[in-house]
mmCIF file of all heavy atoms, coordinates in Angstrom:
data_MODEL
# 
_entry.id   MODEL 
# 
loop_
_atom_site.group_PDB 
_atom_site.id 
_atom_site.type_symbol 
_atom_site.label_atom_id 
_atom_site.label_alt_id 
_atom_site.label_comp_id 
_atom_site.label_asym_id 
_atom_site.label_entity_id 
_atom_site.label_seq_id 
_atom_site.pdbx_PDB_ins_code 
_atom_site.Cartn_x 
_atom_site.Cartn_y 
_atom_site.Cartn_z 
_atom_site.occupancy 
_atom_site.B_iso_or_equiv 
_atom_site.pdbx_formal_charge 
_atom_site.auth_seq_id 
_atom_site.auth_comp_id 
_atom_site.auth_asym_id 
_atom_site.auth_atom_id 
_atom_site.pdbx_PDB_model_num 
ATOM 1   N N   . MET A 1 1  ? -5.620  -14.062 -8.148  1.00 0.00 ? 1  MET A N   1 
ATOM 2   C CA  . MET A 1 1  ? -6.334  -12.957 -7.490  1.00 0.00 ? 1  MET A CA  1 
ATOM 3   C C   . MET A 1 1  ? -5.458  -12.278 -6.445  1.00 0.00 ? 1  MET A C   1 
ATOM 4   O O   . MET A 1 1  ? -5.524  -11.062 -6.268  1.00 0.00 ? 1  MET A O   1 
ATOM 5   C CB  . MET A 1 1  ? -7.637  -13.466 -6.884  1.00 0.00 ? 1  MET A CB  1 
ATOM 6   C CG  . MET A 1 1  ? -8.670  -13.812 -7.955  1.00 0.00 ? 1  MET A CG  1 
ATOM 7   S SD  . MET A 1 1  ? -10.246 -14.314 -7.289  1.00 0.00 ? 1  MET A SD  1 
ATOM 8   C CE  . MET A 1 1  ? -10.972 -12.720 -6.967  1.00 0.00 ? 1  MET A CE  1 
ATOM 9   N N   . SER A 1 2  ? -4.625  -13.064 -5.778  1.00 0.00 ? 2  SER A N   1 
ATOM 10  C CA  . SER A 1 2  ? -3.702  -12.484 -4.809  1.00 0.00 ? 2  SER A CA  1 
ATOM 11  C C   . SER A 1 2  ? -2.694  -11.582 -5.514  1.00 0.00 ? 2  SER A C   1 
ATOM 12  O O   . SER A 1 2  ? -2.390  -10.480 -5.036  1.00 0.00 ? 2  SER A O   1 
ATOM 13  C CB  . SER A 1 2  ? -2.994  -13.609 -4.054  1.00 0.00 ? 2  SER A CB  1 
ATOM 14  O OG  . SER A 1 2  ? -2.027  -13.085 -3.191  1.00 0.00 ? 2  SER A OG  1 
ATOM 15  N N   . GLU A 1 3  ? -2.187  -12.049 -6.636  1.00 0.00 ? 3  GLU A N   1 
ATOM 16  C CA  . GLU A 1 3  ? -1.243  -11.229 -7.410  1.00 0.00 ? 3  GLU A CA  1 
ATOM 17  C C   . GLU A 1 3  ? -1.917  -9.964  -7.937  1.00 0.00 ? 3  GLU A C   1 
ATOM 18  O O   . GLU A 1 3  ? -1.317  -8.885  -7.941  1.00 0.00 ? 3  GLU A O   1 
ATOM 19  C CB  . GLU A 1 3  ? -0.665  -12.053 -8.564  1.00 0.00 ? 3  GLU A CB  1 
ATOM 20  C CG  . GLU A 1 3  ? 0.259   -13.171 -8.113  1.00 0.00 ? 3  GLU A CG  1 
ATOM 21  C CD  . GLU A 1 3  ? 0.638   -14.132 -9.235  1.00 0.00 ? 3  GLU A CD  1 
ATOM 22  O OE1 . GLU A 1 3  ? 0.121   -13.997 -10.368 1.00 0.00 ? 3  GLU A OE1 1 
ATOM 23  O OE2 . GLU A 1 3  ? 1.454   -15.035 -8.972  1.00 0.00 ? 3  GLU A OE2 1 
ATOM 24  N N   . ALA A 1 4  ? -3.167  -10.103 -8.369  1.00 0.00 ? 4  ALA A N   1 
ATOM 25  C CA  . ALA A 1 4  ? -3.908  -8.933  -8.860  1.00 0.00 ? 4  ALA A CA  1 
ATOM 26  C C   . ALA A 1 4  ? -4.122  -7.928  -7.735  1.00 0.00 ? 4  ALA A C   1 
ATOM 27  O O   . ALA A 1 4  ? -4.005  -6.715  -7.945  1.00 0.00 ? 4  ALA A O   1 
ATOM 28  C CB  . ALA A 1 4  ? -5.243  -9.368  -9.448  1.00 0.00 ? 4  ALA A CB  1 
ATOM 29  N N   . ALA A 1 5  ? -4.436  -8.442  -6.555  1.00 0.00 ? 5  ALA A N   1 
ATOM 30  C CA  . ALA A 1 5  ? -4.649  -7.559  -5.407  1.00 0.00 ? 5  ALA A CA  1 
ATOM 31  C C   . ALA A 1 5  ? -3.372  -6.801  -5.070  1.00 0.00 ? 5  ALA A C   1 
ATOM 32  O O   . ALA A 1 5  ? -3.404  -5.599  -4.793  1.00 0.00 ? 5  ALA A O   1 
ATOM 33  C CB  . ALA A 1 5  ? -5.127  -8.369  -4.207  1.00 0.00 ? 5  ALA A CB  1 
ATOM 34  N N   . THR A 1 6  ? -2.249  -7.496  -5.121  1.00 0.00 ? 6  THR A N   1 
ATOM 35  C CA  . THR A 1 6  ? -0.966  -6.859  -4.825  1.00 0.00 ? 6  THR A CA  1 
ATOM 36  C C   . THR A 1 6  ? -0.620  -5.815  -5.892  1.00 0.00 ? 6  THR A C   1 
ATOM 37  O O   . THR A 1 6  ? -0.160  -4.717  -5.578  1.00 0.00 ? 6  THR A O   1 
ATOM 38  C CB  . THR A 1 6  ? 0.150   -7.916  -4.753  1.00 0.00 ? 6  THR A CB  1 
ATOM 39  O OG1 . THR A 1 6  ? -0.188  -8.860  -3.745  1.00 0.00 ? 6  THR A OG1 1 
ATOM 40  C CG2 . THR A 1 6  ? 1.496   -7.290  -4.427  1.00 0.00 ? 6  THR A CG2 1 
ATOM 41  N N   . ALA A 1 7  ? -0.877  -6.156  -7.152  1.00 0.00 ? 7  ALA A N   1 
ATOM 42  C CA  . ALA A 1 7  ? -0.537  -5.243  -8.251  1.00 0.00 ? 7  ALA A CA  1 
ATOM 43  C C   . ALA A 1 7  ? -1.465  -4.036  -8.304  1.00 0.00 ? 7  ALA A C   1 
ATOM 44  O O   . ALA A 1 7  ? -1.085  -2.994  -8.843  1.00 0.00 ? 7  ALA A O   1 
ATOM 45  C CB  . ALA A 1 7  ? -0.588  -5.998  -9.575  1.00 0.00 ? 7  ALA A CB  1 
ATOM 46  N N   . ALA A 1 8  ? -2.669  -4.152  -7.758  1.00 0.00 ? 8  ALA A N   1 
ATOM 47  C CA  . ALA A 1 8  ? -3.629  -3.052  -7.833  1.00 0.00 ? 8  ALA A CA  1 
ATOM 48  C C   . ALA A 1 8  ? -3.216  -1.857  -6.993  1.00 0.00 ? 8  ALA A C   1 
ATOM 49  O O   . ALA A 1 8  ? -3.627  -0.734  -7.264  1.00 0.00 ? 8  ALA A O   1 
ATOM 50  C CB  . ALA A 1 8  ? -5.013  -3.544  -7.395  1.00 0.00 ? 8  ALA A CB  1 
ATOM 51  N N   . GLY A 1 9  ? -2.415  -2.093  -5.986  1.00 0.00 ? 9  GLY A N   1 
ATOM 52  C CA  . GLY A 1 9  ? -1.953  -0.982  -5.155  1.00 0.00 ? 9  GLY A CA  1 
ATOM 53  C C   . GLY A 1 9  ? -3.026  -0.480  -4.217  1.00 0.00 ? 9  GLY A C   1 
ATOM 54  O O   . GLY A 1 9  ? -3.982  -1.174  -3.895  1.00 0.00 ? 9  GLY A O   1 
ATOM 55  N N   . THR A 1 10 ? -2.846  0.783   -3.801  1.00 0.00 ? 10 THR A N   1 
ATOM 56  C CA  . THR A 1 10 ? -3.779  1.390   -2.849  1.00 0.00 ? 10 THR A CA  1 
ATOM 57  C C   . THR A 1 10 ? -4.410  2.615   -3.476  1.00 0.00 ? 10 THR A C   1 
ATOM 58  O O   . THR A 1 10 ? -4.104  2.987   -4.598  1.00 0.00 ? 10 THR A O   1 
ATOM 59  C CB  . THR A 1 10 ? -3.045  1.806   -1.563  1.00 0.00 ? 10 THR A CB  1 
ATOM 60  O OG1 . THR A 1 10 ? -2.153  2.858   -1.891  1.00 0.00 ? 10 THR A OG1 1 
ATOM 61  C CG2 . THR A 1 10 ? -2.299  0.657   -0.942  1.00 0.00 ? 10 THR A CG2 1 
ATOM 62  N N   . ALA A 1 11 ? -5.262  3.252   -2.729  1.00 0.00 ? 11 ALA A N   1 
ATOM 63  C CA  . ALA A 1 11 ? -5.921  4.464   -3.209  1.00 0.00 ? 11 ALA A CA  1 
ATOM 64  C C   . ALA A 1 11 ? -5.177  5.720   -2.755  1.00 0.00 ? 11 ALA A C   1 
ATOM 65  O O   . ALA A 1 11 ? -5.675  6.818   -2.895  1.00 0.00 ? 11 ALA A O   1 
ATOM 66  C CB  . ALA A 1 11 ? -7.357  4.498   -2.708  1.00 0.00 ? 11 ALA A CB  1 
ATOM 67  N N   . VAL A 1 12 ? -3.968  5.550   -2.225  1.00 0.00 ? 12 VAL A N   1 
ATOM 68  C CA  . VAL A 1 12 ? -3.196  6.690   -1.738  1.00 0.00 ? 12 VAL A CA  1 
ATOM 69  C C   . VAL A 1 12 ? -2.335  7.207   -2.886  1.00 0.00 ? 12 VAL A C   1 
ATOM 70  O O   . VAL A 1 12 ? -1.513  6.475   -3.426  1.00 0.00 ? 12 VAL A O   1 
ATOM 71  C CB  . VAL A 1 12 ? -2.314  6.282   -0.537  1.00 0.00 ? 12 VAL A CB  1 
ATOM 72  C CG1 . VAL A 1 12 ? -1.485  7.460   -0.065  1.00 0.00 ? 12 VAL A CG1 1 
ATOM 73  C CG2 . VAL A 1 12 ? -3.184  5.735   0.576   1.00 0.00 ? 12 VAL A CG2 1 
ATOM 74  N N   . PRO A 1 13 ? -2.509  8.453   -3.309  1.00 0.00 ? 13 PRO A N   1 
ATOM 75  C CA  . PRO A 1 13 ? -1.729  8.984   -4.434  1.00 0.00 ? 13 PRO A CA  1 
ATOM 76  C C   . PRO A 1 13 ? -0.244  9.057   -4.102  1.00 0.00 ? 13 PRO A C   1 
ATOM 77  O O   . PRO A 1 13 ? 0.135   9.332   -2.964  1.00 0.00 ? 13 PRO A O   1 
ATOM 78  C CB  . PRO A 1 13 ? -2.287  10.396  -4.649  1.00 0.00 ? 13 PRO A CB  1 
ATOM 79  C CG  . PRO A 1 13 ? -3.420  10.558  -3.700  1.00 0.00 ? 13 PRO A CG  1 
ATOM 80  C CD  . PRO A 1 13 ? -3.426  9.406   -2.763  1.00 0.00 ? 13 PRO A CD  1 
ATOM 81  N N   . GLY A 1 14 ? 0.561   8.742   -5.106  1.00 0.00 ? 14 GLY A N   1 
ATOM 82  C CA  . GLY A 1 14 ? 2.001   8.877   -4.970  1.00 0.00 ? 14 GLY A CA  1 
ATOM 83  C C   . GLY A 1 14 ? 2.691   7.692   -4.352  1.00 0.00 ? 14 GLY A C   1 
ATOM 84  O O   . GLY A 1 14 ? 3.903   7.715   -4.191  1.00 0.00 ? 14 GLY A O   1 
ATOM 85  N N   . THR A 1 15 ? 2.019   6.628   -4.020  1.00 0.00 ? 15 THR A N   1 
ATOM 86  C CA  . THR A 1 15 ? 2.700   5.475   -3.450  1.00 0.00 ? 15 THR A CA  1 
ATOM 87  C C   . THR A 1 15 ? 3.205   4.601   -4.573  1.00 0.00 ? 15 THR A C   1 
ATOM 88  O O   . THR A 1 15 ? 2.647   4.541   -5.655  1.00 0.00 ? 15 THR A O   1 
ATOM 89  C CB  . THR A 1 15 ? 1.752   4.649   -2.561  1.00 0.00 ? 15 THR A CB  1 
ATOM 90  O OG1 . THR A 1 15 ? 0.660   4.208   -3.349  1.00 0.00 ? 15 THR A OG1 1 
ATOM 91  C CG2 . THR A 1 15 ? 1.266   5.449   -1.378  1.00 0.00 ? 15 THR A CG2 1 
ATOM 92  N N   . GLU A 1 16 ? 4.294   3.920   -4.302  1.00 0.00 ? 16 GLU A N   1 
ATOM 93  C CA  . GLU A 1 16 ? 4.880   3.028   -5.287  1.00 0.00 ? 16 GLU A CA  1 
ATOM 94  C C   . GLU A 1 16 ? 4.742   1.604   -4.795  1.00 0.00 ? 16 GLU A C   1 
ATOM 95  O O   . GLU A 1 16 ? 4.758   1.336   -3.597  1.00 0.00 ? 16 GLU A O   1 
ATOM 96  C CB  . GLU A 1 16 ? 6.363   3.365   -5.482  1.00 0.00 ? 16 GLU A CB  1 
ATOM 97  C CG  . GLU A 1 16 ? 6.580   4.750   -6.050  1.00 0.00 ? 16 GLU A CG  1 
ATOM 98  C CD  . GLU A 1 16 ? 8.059   5.058   -6.186  1.00 0.00 ? 16 GLU A CD  1 
ATOM 99  O OE1 . GLU A 1 16 ? 8.880   4.128   -6.154  1.00 0.00 ? 16 GLU A OE1 1 
ATOM 100 O OE2 . GLU A 1 16 ? 8.386   6.234   -6.313  1.00 0.00 ? 16 GLU A OE2 1 
ATOM 101 N N   . ALA A 1 17 ? 4.632   0.671   -5.726  1.00 0.00 ? 17 ALA A N   1 
ATOM 102 C CA  . ALA A 1 17 ? 4.444   -0.736  -5.379  1.00 0.00 ? 17 ALA A CA  1 
ATOM 103 C C   . ALA A 1 17 ? 5.646   -1.288  -4.619  1.00 0.00 ? 17 ALA A C   1 
ATOM 104 O O   . ALA A 1 17 ? 5.511   -2.186  -3.809  1.00 0.00 ? 17 ALA A O   1 
ATOM 105 C CB  . ALA A 1 17 ? 4.187   -1.555  -6.635  1.00 0.00 ? 17 ALA A CB  1 
ATOM 106 N N   . SER A 1 18 ? 6.843   -0.723  -4.853  1.00 0.00 ? 18 SER A N   1 
ATOM 107 C CA  . SER A 1 18 ? 8.030   -1.270  -4.201  1.00 0.00 ? 18 SER A CA  1 
ATOM 108 C C   . SER A 1 18 ? 8.140   -0.852  -2.731  1.00 0.00 ? 18 SER A C   1 
ATOM 109 O O   . SER A 1 18 ? 8.891   -1.433  -1.974  1.00 0.00 ? 18 SER A O   1 
ATOM 110 C CB  . SER A 1 18 ? 9.292   -0.843  -4.959  1.00 0.00 ? 18 SER A CB  1 
ATOM 111 O OG  . SER A 1 18 ? 9.394   0.569   -4.927  1.00 0.00 ? 18 SER A OG  1 
ATOM 112 N N   . VAL A 1 19 ? 7.415   0.188   -2.338  1.00 0.00 ? 19 VAL A N   1 
ATOM 113 C CA  . VAL A 1 19 ? 7.458   0.653   -0.965  1.00 0.00 ? 19 VAL A CA  1 
ATOM 114 C C   . VAL A 1 19 ? 6.163   0.224   -0.281  1.00 0.00 ? 19 VAL A C   1 
ATOM 115 O O   . VAL A 1 19 ? 5.092   0.716   -0.632  1.00 0.00 ? 19 VAL A O   1 
ATOM 116 C CB  . VAL A 1 19 ? 7.585   2.194   -0.895  1.00 0.00 ? 19 VAL A CB  1 
ATOM 117 C CG1 . VAL A 1 19 ? 7.601   2.669   0.546   1.00 0.00 ? 19 VAL A CG1 1 
ATOM 118 C CG2 . VAL A 1 19 ? 8.807   2.649   -1.648  1.00 0.00 ? 19 VAL A CG2 1 
ATOM 119 N N   . PRO A 1 20 ? 6.242   -0.709  0.677   1.00 0.00 ? 20 PRO A N   1 
ATOM 120 C CA  . PRO A 1 20 ? 5.012   -1.125  1.344   1.00 0.00 ? 20 PRO A CA  1 
ATOM 121 C C   . PRO A 1 20 ? 4.442   0.021   2.171   1.00 0.00 ? 20 PRO A C   1 
ATOM 122 O O   . PRO A 1 20 ? 5.138   0.626   2.970   1.00 0.00 ? 20 PRO A O   1 
ATOM 123 C CB  . PRO A 1 20 ? 5.430   -2.301  2.226   1.00 0.00 ? 20 PRO A CB  1 
ATOM 124 C CG  . PRO A 1 20 ? 6.906   -2.207  2.340   1.00 0.00 ? 20 PRO A CG  1 
ATOM 125 C CD  . PRO A 1 20 ? 7.411   -1.420  1.173   1.00 0.00 ? 20 PRO A CD  1 
ATOM 126 N N   . LEU A 1 21 ? 3.204   0.324   1.932   1.00 0.00 ? 21 LEU A N   1 
ATOM 127 C CA  . LEU A 1 21 ? 2.536   1.411   2.633   1.00 0.00 ? 21 LEU A CA  1 
ATOM 128 C C   . LEU A 1 21 ? 1.983   0.882   3.946   1.00 0.00 ? 21 LEU A C   1 
ATOM 129 O O   . LEU A 1 21 ? 1.319   -0.134  3.977   1.00 0.00 ? 21 LEU A O   1 
ATOM 130 C CB  . LEU A 1 21 ? 1.401   1.962   1.772   1.00 0.00 ? 21 LEU A CB  1 
ATOM 131 C CG  . LEU A 1 21 ? 0.607   3.115   2.369   1.00 0.00 ? 21 LEU A CG  1 
ATOM 132 C CD1 . LEU A 1 21 ? 1.502   4.345   2.515   1.00 0.00 ? 21 LEU A CD1 1 
ATOM 133 C CD2 . LEU A 1 21 ? -0.591  3.426   1.499   1.00 0.00 ? 21 LEU A CD2 1 
ATOM 134 N N   . GLN A 1 22 ? 2.268   1.575   5.012   1.00 0.00 ? 22 GLN A N   1 
ATOM 135 C CA  . GLN A 1 22 ? 1.763   1.189   6.321   1.00 0.00 ? 22 GLN A CA  1 
ATOM 136 C C   . GLN A 1 22 ? 0.559   2.058   6.661   1.00 0.00 ? 22 GLN A C   1 
ATOM 137 O O   . GLN A 1 22 ? 0.517   3.226   6.303   1.00 0.00 ? 22 GLN A O   1 
ATOM 138 C CB  . GLN A 1 22 ? 2.846   1.358   7.395   1.00 0.00 ? 22 GLN A CB  1 
ATOM 139 C CG  . GLN A 1 22 ? 4.108   0.556   7.146   1.00 0.00 ? 22 GLN A CG  1 
ATOM 140 C CD  . GLN A 1 22 ? 3.863   -0.945  7.279   1.00 0.00 ? 22 GLN A CD  1 
ATOM 141 O OE1 . GLN A 1 22 ? 3.115   -1.364  8.138   1.00 0.00 ? 22 GLN A OE1 1 
ATOM 142 N NE2 . GLN A 1 22 ? 4.461   -1.726  6.424   1.00 0.00 ? 22 GLN A NE2 1 
ATOM 143 N N   . GLY A 1 23 ? -0.376  1.459   7.340   1.00 0.00 ? 23 GLY A N   1 
ATOM 144 C CA  . GLY A 1 23 ? -1.557  2.206   7.755   1.00 0.00 ? 23 GLY A CA  1 
ATOM 145 C C   . GLY A 1 23 ? -1.229  3.158   8.887   1.00 0.00 ? 23 GLY A C   1 
ATOM 146 O O   . GLY A 1 23 ? -0.138  3.112   9.454   1.00 0.00 ? 23 GLY A O   1 
ATOM 147 N N   . PRO A 1 24 ? -2.151  4.004   9.230   1.00 0.00 ? 24 PRO A N   1 
ATOM 148 C CA  . PRO A 1 24 ? -1.904  4.948   10.333  1.00 0.00 ? 24 PRO A CA  1 
ATOM 149 C C   . PRO A 1 24 ? -1.802  4.199   11.656  1.00 0.00 ? 24 PRO A C   1 
ATOM 150 O O   . PRO A 1 24 ? -2.556  3.270   11.913  1.00 0.00 ? 24 PRO A O   1 
ATOM 151 C CB  . PRO A 1 24 ? -3.140  5.855   10.302  1.00 0.00 ? 24 PRO A CB  1 
ATOM 152 C CG  . PRO A 1 24 ? -4.172  5.076   9.573   1.00 0.00 ? 24 PRO A CG  1 
ATOM 153 C CD  . PRO A 1 24 ? -3.456  4.150   8.644   1.00 0.00 ? 24 PRO A CD  1 
ATOM 154 N N   . VAL A 1 25 ? -0.833  4.580   12.442  1.00 0.00 ? 25 VAL A N   1 
ATOM 155 C CA  . VAL A 1 25 ? -0.636  3.958   13.747  1.00 0.00 ? 25 VAL A CA  1 
ATOM 156 C C   . VAL A 1 25 ? -0.490  5.062   14.779  1.00 0.00 ? 25 VAL A C   1 
ATOM 157 O O   . VAL A 1 25 ? -0.066  6.169   14.475  1.00 0.00 ? 25 VAL A O   1 
ATOM 158 C CB  . VAL A 1 25 ? 0.619   3.051   13.776  1.00 0.00 ? 25 VAL A CB  1 
ATOM 159 C CG1 . VAL A 1 25 ? 0.430   1.849   12.879  1.00 0.00 ? 25 VAL A CG1 1 
ATOM 160 C CG2 . VAL A 1 25 ? 1.856   3.818   13.364  1.00 0.00 ? 25 VAL A CG2 1 
ATOM 161 N N   . PRO A 1 26 ? -0.857  4.788   16.015  1.00 0.00 ? 26 PRO A N   1 
ATOM 162 C CA  . PRO A 1 26 ? -0.679  5.801   17.067  1.00 0.00 ? 26 PRO A CA  1 
ATOM 163 C C   . PRO A 1 26 ? 0.808   6.147   17.237  1.00 0.00 ? 26 PRO A C   1 
ATOM 164 O O   . PRO A 1 26 ? 1.685   5.324   16.957  1.00 0.00 ? 26 PRO A O   1 
ATOM 165 C CB  . PRO A 1 26 ? -1.217  5.106   18.316  1.00 0.00 ? 26 PRO A CB  1 
ATOM 166 C CG  . PRO A 1 26 ? -2.024  3.938   17.840  1.00 0.00 ? 26 PRO A CG  1 
ATOM 167 C CD  . PRO A 1 26 ? -1.487  3.572   16.501  1.00 0.00 ? 26 PRO A CD  1 
ATOM 168 N N   . VAL A 1 27 ? 1.050   7.345   17.677  1.00 0.00 ? 27 VAL A N   1 
ATOM 169 C CA  . VAL A 1 27 ? 2.423   7.797   17.892  1.00 0.00 ? 27 VAL A CA  1 
ATOM 170 C C   . VAL A 1 27 ? 3.103   6.869   18.898  1.00 0.00 ? 27 VAL A C   1 
ATOM 171 O O   . VAL A 1 27 ? 2.543   6.550   19.945  1.00 0.00 ? 27 VAL A O   1 
ATOM 172 C CB  . VAL A 1 27 ? 2.454   9.257   18.396  1.00 0.00 ? 27 VAL A CB  1 
ATOM 173 C CG1 . VAL A 1 27 ? 3.881   9.693   18.685  1.00 0.00 ? 27 VAL A CG1 1 
ATOM 174 C CG2 . VAL A 1 27 ? 1.809   10.174  17.388  1.00 0.00 ? 27 VAL A CG2 1 
ATOM 175 N N   . GLY A 1 28 ? 4.308   6.415   18.546  1.00 0.00 ? 28 GLY A N   1 
ATOM 176 C CA  . GLY A 1 28 ? 5.075   5.557   19.431  1.00 0.00 ? 28 GLY A CA  1 
ATOM 177 C C   . GLY A 1 28 ? 4.763   4.083   19.285  1.00 0.00 ? 28 GLY A C   1 
ATOM 178 O O   . GLY A 1 28 ? 5.458   3.249   19.834  1.00 0.00 ? 28 GLY A O   1 
# 
């Protein structure tokens, strides 16, 4: 299930599995 979760990706269009997507963070 952990592997499936990782392979499922995110709901953000255009992201690739090899590039970890970071959530929004405050400036700085």
